[in-house]
Amino acid sequence: MDLVAIEAIRQLKYRYFRTLDLKQWDDFGDCLAEDVVARYGTQAMDKPLHFDTRADVVSYMSENLGTGIITIHIANHPEIQVDGDTATGSWGFEDTVIVPDFKVTIRGGGYYQDTYRKDSDGQWRIASTRYERIYEALTSLEDTPSFKLIANRWDPSLQH
């Protein structure tokens, strides 16, 4: 068992989610292989999202998850198998998306299935990623009269 590689891959997936949520697009892109195969999609969207390059993933995320959308992703239960310079992994995840302008919150969870590759620069990157949802729930914040966003990293008027 290659514990060094497993830990590097764990750190990679954590960095993937952190940089996505913090909208650090260059660092997010560096988590992905140039030829990454990414399959995303939710019931809240009108179609699945399929990408076959790092540039396309980063472009879509940066254009559609701007500062008007708050996200947080929590990943756990990693199961990682390493085979030389490639690996596979499964991750349980939960995510929350808050869209203040549309007064909605989306919560969900499921399992990611990833493959990883150690690139020529010695860094592990995500070579493919997809997930299967266990659940996804949409809540109108207008139906929740007590909802009040009291902190938002992206809204200067709500920073202390």
C-alpha atoms as a PDB file:
ATOM      1  CA  MET A   1       0.000   0.000   0.000  1.00  0.00           C
ATOM      2  CA  ASP A   2       1.424   3.371  -1.018  1.00  0.00           C
ATOM      3  CA  LEU A   3       0.483   5.609   1.916  1.00  0.00           C
ATOM      4  CA  VAL A   4       2.433   8.592   0.544  1.00  0.00           C
ATOM      5  CA  ALA A   5       0.448   8.507  -2.708  1.00  0.00           C
ATOM      6  CA  ILE A   6      -2.843   7.976  -0.840  1.00  0.00           C
ATOM      7  CA  GLU A   7      -2.192  11.020   1.334  1.00  0.00           C
ATOM      8  CA  ALA A   8      -1.191  13.115  -1.704  1.00  0.00           C
ATOM      9  CA  ILE A   9      -4.471  12.134  -3.399  1.00  0.00           C
ATOM     10  CA  ARG A  10      -6.484  12.912  -0.259  1.00  0.00           C
ATOM     11  CA  GLN A  11      -4.889  16.358  -0.126  1.00  0.00           C
ATOM     12  CA  LEU A  12      -5.583  16.813  -3.851  1.00  0.00           C
ATOM     13  CA  LYS A  13      -9.313  16.129  -3.457  1.00  0.00           C
ATOM     14  CA  TYR A  14      -9.554  18.392  -0.417  1.00  0.00           C
ATOM     15  CA  ARG A  15      -7.757  21.144  -2.387  1.00  0.00           C
ATOM     16  CA  TYR A  16     -10.125  20.593  -5.333  1.00  0.00           C
ATOM     17  CA  PHE A  17     -13.151  21.358  -3.135  1.00  0.00           C
ATOM     18  CA  ARG A  18     -11.496  24.195  -1.203  1.00  0.00           C
ATOM     19  CA  THR A  19     -10.350  26.041  -4.319  1.00  0.00           C
ATOM     20  CA  LEU A  20     -13.754  25.503  -5.950  1.00  0.00           C
ATOM     21  CA  ASP A  21     -15.590  26.970  -2.958  1.00  0.00           C
ATOM     22  CA  LEU A  22     -13.120  29.862  -2.586  1.00  0.00           C
ATOM     23  CA  LYS A  23     -13.231  30.529  -6.341  1.00  0.00           C
ATOM     24  CA  GLN A  24      -9.448  30.223  -6.692  1.00  0.00           C
ATOM     25  CA  TRP A  25      -9.675  29.229 -10.323  1.00  0.00           C
ATOM     26  CA  ASP A  26      -5.978  28.831 -11.166  1.00  0.00           C
ATOM     27  CA  ASP A  27      -5.397  26.559  -8.172  1.00  0.00           C
ATOM     28  CA  PHE A  28      -8.651  24.705  -8.891  1.00  0.00           C
ATOM     29  CA  GLY A  29      -7.490  24.083 -12.463  1.00  0.00           C
ATOM     30  CA  ASP A  30      -4.141  22.771 -11.239  1.00  0.00           C
ATOM     31  CA  CYS A  31      -6.026  19.954  -9.462  1.00  0.00           C
ATOM     32  CA  LEU A  32      -7.146  18.638 -12.852  1.00  0.00           C
ATOM     33  CA  ALA A  33      -5.211  16.854 -15.578  1.00  0.00           C
ATOM     34  CA  GLU A  34      -5.149  18.794 -18.859  1.00  0.00           C
ATOM     35  CA  ASP A  35      -7.271  16.054 -20.452  1.00  0.00           C
ATOM     36  CA  VAL A  36      -9.615  15.538 -17.500  1.00  0.00           C
ATOM     37  CA  VAL A  37     -12.952  13.857 -18.185  1.00  0.00           C
ATOM     38  CA  ALA A  38     -15.541  15.471 -15.900  1.00  0.00           C
ATOM     39  CA  ARG A  39     -19.194  14.505 -15.667  1.00  0.00           C
ATOM     40  CA  TYR A  40     -21.294  16.792 -13.488  1.00  0.00           C
ATOM     41  CA  GLY A  41     -24.975  17.527 -13.234  1.00  0.00           C
ATOM     42  CA  THR A  42     -27.842  18.017 -10.841  1.00  0.00           C
ATOM     43  CA  GLN A  43     -31.601  17.985 -10.958  1.00  0.00           C
ATOM     44  CA  ALA A  44     -31.487  21.744 -10.372  1.00  0.00           C
ATOM     45  CA  MET A  45     -29.766  22.176 -13.741  1.00  0.00           C
ATOM     46  CA  ASP A  46     -31.502  21.561 -17.023  1.00  0.00           C
ATOM     47  CA  LYS A  47     -28.835  19.223 -18.475  1.00  0.00           C
ATOM     48  CA  PRO A  48     -25.800  17.165 -17.504  1.00  0.00           C
ATOM     49  CA  LEU A  49     -22.445  18.867 -17.820  1.00  0.00           C
ATOM     50  CA  HIS A  50     -19.759  16.962 -19.707  1.00  0.00           C
ATOM     51  CA  PHE A  51     -16.230  18.313 -20.123  1.00  0.00           C
ATOM     52  CA  ASP A  52     -13.130  16.763 -21.635  1.00  0.00           C
ATOM     53  CA  THR A  53     -10.465  19.366 -20.844  1.00  0.00           C
ATOM     54  CA  ARG A  54      -9.213  21.273 -17.814  1.00  0.00           C
ATOM     55  CA  ALA A  55      -9.776  24.578 -19.614  1.00  0.00           C
ATOM     56  CA  ASP A  56     -13.448  23.770 -20.239  1.00  0.00           C
ATOM     57  CA  VAL A  57     -14.078  22.766 -16.601  1.00  0.00           C
ATOM     58  CA  VAL A  58     -12.395  25.872 -15.214  1.00  0.00           C
ATOM     59  CA  SER A  59     -14.106  28.137 -17.727  1.00  0.00           C
ATOM     60  CA  TYR A  60     -17.547  26.762 -16.874  1.00  0.00           C
ATOM     61  CA  MET A  61     -17.016  26.900 -13.113  1.00  0.00           C
ATOM     62  CA  SER A  62     -15.562  30.404 -13.117  1.00  0.00           C
ATOM     63  CA  GLU A  63     -18.362  31.729 -15.331  1.00  0.00           C
ATOM     64  CA  ASN A  64     -21.213  30.000 -13.485  1.00  0.00           C
ATOM     65  CA  LEU A  65     -20.079  29.911  -9.856  1.00  0.00           C
ATOM     66  CA  GLY A  66     -19.153  33.560  -9.447  1.00  0.00           C
ATOM     67  CA  THR A  67     -19.485  35.622  -6.316  1.00  0.00           C
ATOM     68  CA  GLY A  68     -23.286  35.611  -6.547  1.00  0.00           C
ATOM     69  CA  ILE A  69     -23.291  31.922  -5.646  1.00  0.00           C
ATOM     70  CA  ILE A  70     -22.048  30.517  -2.340  1.00  0.00           C
ATOM     71  CA  THR A  71     -20.905  26.883  -2.255  1.00  0.00           C
ATOM     72  CA  ILE A  72     -19.458  24.553   0.325  1.00  0.00           C
ATOM     73  CA  HIS A  73     -18.445  20.960  -0.361  1.00  0.00           C
ATOM     74  CA  ILE A  74     -17.557  18.456   2.345  1.00  0.00           C
ATOM     75  CA  ALA A  75     -15.887  15.200   1.283  1.00  0.00           C
ATOM     76  CA  ASN A  76     -15.188  12.197   3.459  1.00  0.00           C
ATOM     77  CA  HIS A  77     -14.982   8.390   3.512  1.00  0.00           C
ATOM     78  CA  PRO A  78     -12.195   8.213   0.914  1.00  0.00           C
ATOM     79  CA  GLU A  79     -11.427   4.801  -0.518  1.00  0.00           C
ATOM     80  CA  ILE A  80      -8.280   5.114  -2.624  1.00  0.00           C
ATOM     81  CA  GLN A  81      -6.458   2.366  -4.524  1.00  0.00           C
ATOM     82  CA  VAL A  82      -3.043   3.167  -5.998  1.00  0.00           C
ATOM     83  CA  ASP A  83      -1.485   1.283  -8.902  1.00  0.00           C
ATOM     84  CA  GLY A  84       1.870   2.865  -9.712  1.00  0.00           C
ATOM     85  CA  ASP A  85       1.279   6.317 -11.226  1.00  0.00           C
ATOM     86  CA  THR A  86      -2.508   5.895 -11.430  1.00  0.00           C
ATOM     87  CA  ALA A  87      -5.190   5.490  -8.810  1.00  0.00           C
ATOM     88  CA  THR A  88      -8.930   5.308  -8.279  1.00  0.00           C
ATOM     89  CA  GLY A  89     -10.978   6.828  -5.518  1.00  0.00           C
ATOM     90  CA  SER A  90     -14.469   7.031  -4.109  1.00  0.00           C
ATOM     91  CA  TRP A  91     -15.610   9.898  -1.869  1.00  0.00           C
ATOM     92  CA  GLY A  92     -18.820  10.553  -0.006  1.00  0.00           C
ATOM     93  CA  PHE A  93     -19.761  14.222  -0.273  1.00  0.00           C
ATOM     94  CA  GLU A  94     -22.333  16.768   0.796  1.00  0.00           C
ATOM     95  CA  ASP A  95     -22.757  20.156  -0.780  1.00  0.00           C
ATOM     96  CA  THR A  96     -24.720  23.297  -0.100  1.00  0.00           C
ATOM     97  CA  VAL A  97     -25.334  26.004  -2.689  1.00  0.00           C
ATOM     98  CA  ILE A  98     -26.904  29.322  -1.688  1.00  0.00           C
ATOM     99  CA  VAL A  99     -28.040  31.711  -4.415  1.00  0.00           C
ATOM    100  CA  PRO A 100     -29.167  34.905  -2.650  1.00  0.00           C
ATOM    101  CA  ASP A 101     -30.288  36.649  -5.859  1.00  0.00           C
ATOM    102  CA  PHE A 102     -32.734  33.824  -6.621  1.00  0.00           C
ATOM    103  CA  LYS A 103     -33.582  33.187  -2.959  1.00  0.00           C
ATOM    104  CA  VAL A 104     -32.821  29.452  -3.105  1.00  0.00           C
ATOM    105  CA  THR A 105     -30.686  26.922  -1.299  1.00  0.00           C
ATOM    106  CA  ILE A 106     -29.746  23.571  -2.812  1.00  0.00           C
ATOM    107  CA  ARG A 107     -28.437  20.774  -0.598  1.00  0.00           C
ATOM    108  CA  GLY A 108     -27.317  17.401  -1.721  1.00  0.00           C
ATOM    109  CA  GLY A 109     -25.058  14.454  -1.247  1.00  0.00           C
ATOM    110  CA  GLY A 110     -23.701  11.448  -3.033  1.00  0.00           C
ATOM    111  CA  TYR A 111     -20.511   9.711  -4.068  1.00  0.00           C
ATOM    112  CA  TYR A 112     -17.720  10.841  -6.368  1.00  0.00           C
ATOM    113  CA  GLN A 113     -15.837   8.285  -8.451  1.00  0.00           C
ATOM    114  CA  ASP A 114     -12.447   9.597  -9.562  1.00  0.00           C
ATOM    115  CA  THR A 115      -9.330   8.422 -11.328  1.00  0.00           C
ATOM    116  CA  TYR A 116      -5.978  10.056 -10.670  1.00  0.00           C
ATOM    117  CA  ARG A 117      -2.698  10.242 -12.518  1.00  0.00           C
ATOM    118  CA  LYS A 118       0.757  11.337 -11.465  1.00  0.00           C
ATOM    119  CA  ASP A 119       1.732  13.780 -14.190  1.00  0.00           C
ATOM    120  CA  SER A 120       5.237  14.322 -15.607  1.00  0.00           C
ATOM    121  CA  ASP A 121       5.861  17.125 -13.072  1.00  0.00           C
ATOM    122  CA  GLY A 122       5.399  14.581 -10.251  1.00  0.00           C
ATOM    123  CA  GLN A 123       2.047  16.007  -9.112  1.00  0.00           C
ATOM    124  CA  TRP A 124      -1.082  13.917  -8.714  1.00  0.00           C
ATOM    125  CA  ARG A 125      -4.067  15.295 -10.608  1.00  0.00           C
ATOM    126  CA  ILE A 126      -7.657  14.249 -11.164  1.00  0.00           C
ATOM    127  CA  ALA A 127      -7.831  12.452 -14.522  1.00  0.00           C
ATOM    128  CA  SER A 128     -11.570  11.807 -14.396  1.00  0.00           C
ATOM    129  CA  THR A 129     -14.366  12.678 -12.019  1.00  0.00           C
ATOM    130  CA  ARG A 130     -18.080  12.035 -11.809  1.00  0.00           C
ATOM    131  CA  TYR A 131     -20.664  11.646  -9.121  1.00  0.00           C
ATOM    132  CA  GLU A 132     -23.941   9.948  -8.412  1.00  0.00           C
ATOM    133  CA  ARG A 133     -26.390  11.849  -6.252  1.00  0.00           C
ATOM    134  CA  ILE A 134     -28.150  10.139  -3.382  1.00  0.00           C
ATOM    135  CA  TYR A 135     -30.307  13.191  -2.829  1.00  0.00           C
ATOM    136  CA  GLU A 136     -30.711  16.792  -3.850  1.00  0.00           C
ATOM    137  CA  ALA A 137     -33.171  19.221  -2.307  1.00  0.00           C
ATOM    138  CA  LEU A 138     -34.144  22.730  -3.377  1.00  0.00           C
ATOM    139  CA  THR A 139     -35.590  25.144  -0.829  1.00  0.00           C
ATOM    140  CA  SER A 140     -37.067  28.510  -1.665  1.00  0.00           C
ATOM    141  CA  LEU A 141     -35.796  30.995   0.871  1.00  0.00           C
ATOM    142  CA  GLU A 142     -39.042  32.900   0.436  1.00  0.00           C
ATOM    143  CA  ASP A 143     -40.714  29.870   2.056  1.00  0.00           C
ATOM    144  CA  THR A 144     -38.366  30.250   5.020  1.00  0.00           C
ATOM    145  CA  PRO A 145     -39.232  33.648   6.492  1.00  0.00           C
ATOM    146  CA  SER A 146     -36.651  33.320   9.247  1.00  0.00           C
ATOM    147  CA  PHE A 147     -33.771  32.862   6.780  1.00  0.00           C
ATOM    148  CA  LYS A 148     -31.255  35.671   6.935  1.00  0.00           C
ATOM    149  CA  LEU A 149     -27.780  35.523   5.459  1.00  0.00           C
ATOM    150  CA  ILE A 150     -25.625  37.151   8.147  1.00  0.00           C
ATOM    151  CA  ALA A 151     -22.189  36.366   6.687  1.00  0.00           C
ATOM    152  CA  ASN A 152     -21.124  36.072   3.065  1.00  0.00           C
ATOM    153  CA  ARG A 153     -17.486  36.100   1.984  1.00  0.00           C
ATOM    154  CA  TRP A 154     -18.560  37.548  -1.376  1.00  0.00           C
ATOM    155  CA  ASP A 155     -20.749  40.384  -0.049  1.00  0.00           C
ATOM    156  CA  PRO A 156     -18.718  43.204   1.551  1.00  0.00           C
ATOM    157  CA  SER A 157     -21.796  44.508   3.365  1.00  0.00           C
ATOM    158  CA  LEU A 158     -21.993  41.238   5.326  1.00  0.00           C
ATOM    159  CA  GLN A 159     -18.327  41.015   6.344  1.00  0.00           C
ATOM    160  CA  HIS A 160     -17.254  41.919   9.846  1.00  0.00           C
END
